[in-house]
C-alpha atoms as a PDB file:
ATOM      1  CA  GLY A   1     -27.367-253.049  43.874  1.00  0.00           C
ATOM      2  CA  THR A   2     -29.453-250.056  44.751  1.00  0.00           C
ATOM      3  CA  HIS A   3     -28.252-246.526  44.012  1.00  0.00           C
ATOM      4  CA  THR A   4     -29.615-243.123  45.008  1.00  0.00           C
ATOM      5  CA  LEU A   5     -29.819-240.026  42.805  1.00  0.00           C
ATOM      6  CA  GLN A   6     -30.868-236.800  44.503  1.00  0.00           C
ATOM      7  CA  LEU A   7     -31.763-233.542  42.788  1.00  0.00           C
ATOM      8  CA  MET A   8     -32.279-230.188  44.473  1.00  0.00           C
ATOM      9  CA  PHE A   9     -33.172-226.997  42.684  1.00  0.00           C
ATOM     10  CA  GLY A  10     -34.886-223.760  43.534  1.00  0.00           C
ATOM     11  CA  CYS A  11     -34.582-220.034  43.877  1.00  0.00           C
ATOM     12  CA  ASN A  12     -34.471-217.257  46.427  1.00  0.00           C
ATOM     13  CA  VAL A  13     -36.406-214.170  45.408  1.00  0.00           C
ATOM     14  CA  GLY A  14     -36.451-210.634  46.703  1.00  0.00           C
ATOM     15  CA  PRO A  15     -39.523-208.660  47.764  1.00  0.00           C
ATOM     16  CA  ASP A  16     -39.780-207.336  44.202  1.00  0.00           C
ATOM     17  CA  ARG A  17     -40.004-210.964  42.926  1.00  0.00           C
ATOM     18  CA  ARG A  18     -36.581-210.742  41.250  1.00  0.00           C
ATOM     19  CA  LEU A  19     -34.190-213.657  41.409  1.00  0.00           C
ATOM     20  CA  LEU A  20     -31.550-213.276  44.122  1.00  0.00           C
ATOM     21  CA  LEU A  21     -30.107-216.784  43.878  1.00  0.00           C
ATOM     22  CA  GLY A  22     -30.869-219.805  41.741  1.00  0.00           C
ATOM     23  CA  PHE A  23     -29.499-223.277  42.388  1.00  0.00           C
ATOM     24  CA  TRP A  24     -29.514-226.704  40.747  1.00  0.00           C
ATOM     25  CA  GLN A  25     -27.428-229.538  42.130  1.00  0.00           C
ATOM     26  CA  SER A  26     -27.403-233.299  42.194  1.00  0.00           C
ATOM     27  CA  ALA A  27     -25.851-236.081  44.239  1.00  0.00           C
ATOM     28  CA  TYR A  28     -25.296-239.742  43.467  1.00  0.00           C
ATOM     29  CA  ASP A  29     -25.025-242.239  46.297  1.00  0.00           C
ATOM     30  CA  GLY A  30     -24.490-239.391  48.757  1.00  0.00           C
ATOM     31  CA  GLY A  31     -21.655-237.668  46.868  1.00  0.00           C
ATOM     32  CA  ASP A  32     -21.737-234.462  44.821  1.00  0.00           C
ATOM     33  CA  PHE A  33     -22.408-235.335  41.183  1.00  0.00           C
ATOM     34  CA  ILE A  34     -23.033-232.260  39.009  1.00  0.00           C
ATOM     35  CA  ALA A  35     -24.159-228.726  39.880  1.00  0.00           C
ATOM     36  CA  LEU A  36     -25.006-225.526  38.057  1.00  0.00           C
ATOM     37  CA  ASN A  37     -22.593-222.767  39.063  1.00  0.00           C
ATOM     38  CA  GLU A  38     -23.809-219.499  40.605  1.00  0.00           C
ATOM     39  CA  ASP A  39     -23.512-217.762  37.223  1.00  0.00           C
ATOM     40  CA  LEU A  40     -26.236-220.178  35.991  1.00  0.00           C
ATOM     41  CA  ARG A  41     -24.191-220.652  32.811  1.00  0.00           C
ATOM     42  CA  SER A  42     -21.694-223.418  33.613  1.00  0.00           C
ATOM     43  CA  TRP A  43     -21.398-226.699  35.480  1.00  0.00           C
ATOM     44  CA  THR A  44     -19.148-228.157  38.165  1.00  0.00           C
ATOM     45  CA  VAL A  45     -18.699-231.903  38.417  1.00  0.00           C
ATOM     46  CA  GLY A  46     -18.082-233.785  41.639  1.00  0.00           C
ATOM     47  CA  GLU A  47     -17.361-237.164  40.085  1.00  0.00           C
ATOM     48  CA  THR A  48     -15.391-238.138  36.993  1.00  0.00           C
ATOM     49  CA  VAL A  49     -18.401-239.889  35.443  1.00  0.00           C
ATOM     50  CA  ALA A  50     -20.323-236.601  35.594  1.00  0.00           C
ATOM     51  CA  SER A  51     -17.800-235.103  33.144  1.00  0.00           C
ATOM     52  CA  ILE A  52     -19.489-237.053  30.352  1.00  0.00           C
ATOM     53  CA  ILE A  53     -22.865-235.557  31.243  1.00  0.00           C
ATOM     54  CA  LYS A  54     -21.305-232.093  31.573  1.00  0.00           C
ATOM     55  CA  SER A  55     -19.880-232.338  28.043  1.00  0.00           C
ATOM     56  CA  LYS A  56     -23.234-233.406  26.600  1.00  0.00           C
ATOM     57  CA  TRP A  57     -25.086-230.674  28.485  1.00  0.00           C
ATOM     58  CA  GLU A  58     -22.634-228.009  27.293  1.00  0.00           C
ATOM     59  CA  ILE A  59     -23.370-229.026  23.700  1.00  0.00           C
ATOM     60  CA  SER A  60     -27.133-229.191  24.181  1.00  0.00           C
ATOM     61  CA  GLY A  61     -27.461-225.905  26.110  1.00  0.00           C
ATOM     62  CA  GLU A  62     -28.824-227.478  29.293  1.00  0.00           C
ATOM     63  CA  ALA A  63     -27.463-224.646  31.473  1.00  0.00           C
ATOM     64  CA  GLU A  64     -29.456-222.099  29.458  1.00  0.00           C
ATOM     65  CA  PHE A  65     -32.577-224.217  29.810  1.00  0.00           C
ATOM     66  CA  GLN A  66     -32.143-224.493  33.584  1.00  0.00           C
ATOM     67  CA  ARG A  67     -31.246-220.791  33.912  1.00  0.00           C
ATOM     68  CA  ASN A  68     -34.446-219.860  32.069  1.00  0.00           C
ATOM     69  CA  TYR A  69     -36.451-222.052  34.425  1.00  0.00           C
ATOM     70  CA  LEU A  70     -34.853-220.505  37.509  1.00  0.00           C
ATOM     71  CA  GLU A  71     -35.070-216.885  36.292  1.00  0.00           C
ATOM     72  CA  VAL A  72     -38.575-217.050  34.825  1.00  0.00           C
ATOM     73  CA  LYS A  73     -40.673-219.909  36.160  1.00  0.00           C
ATOM     74  CA  CYS A  74     -39.164-220.388  39.598  1.00  0.00           C
ATOM     75  CA  VAL A  75     -39.724-216.800  40.666  1.00  0.00           C
END
């Protein structure tokens, strides 16, 4: 059957162009899947299957990659 994966990411910046809030989250078939925590250094999973991805991303440094994007390129 058909499935839906949604991804939302972005940043809120202050008047001085500094990052106030960065976010990165995903949903699968309408339910929370995996999201970057507010510290931009760790992940929260919404589904058990996402735990596998979380483990792989912790090893590969995906949070650091996404944090760099949000802190540098997004602003």
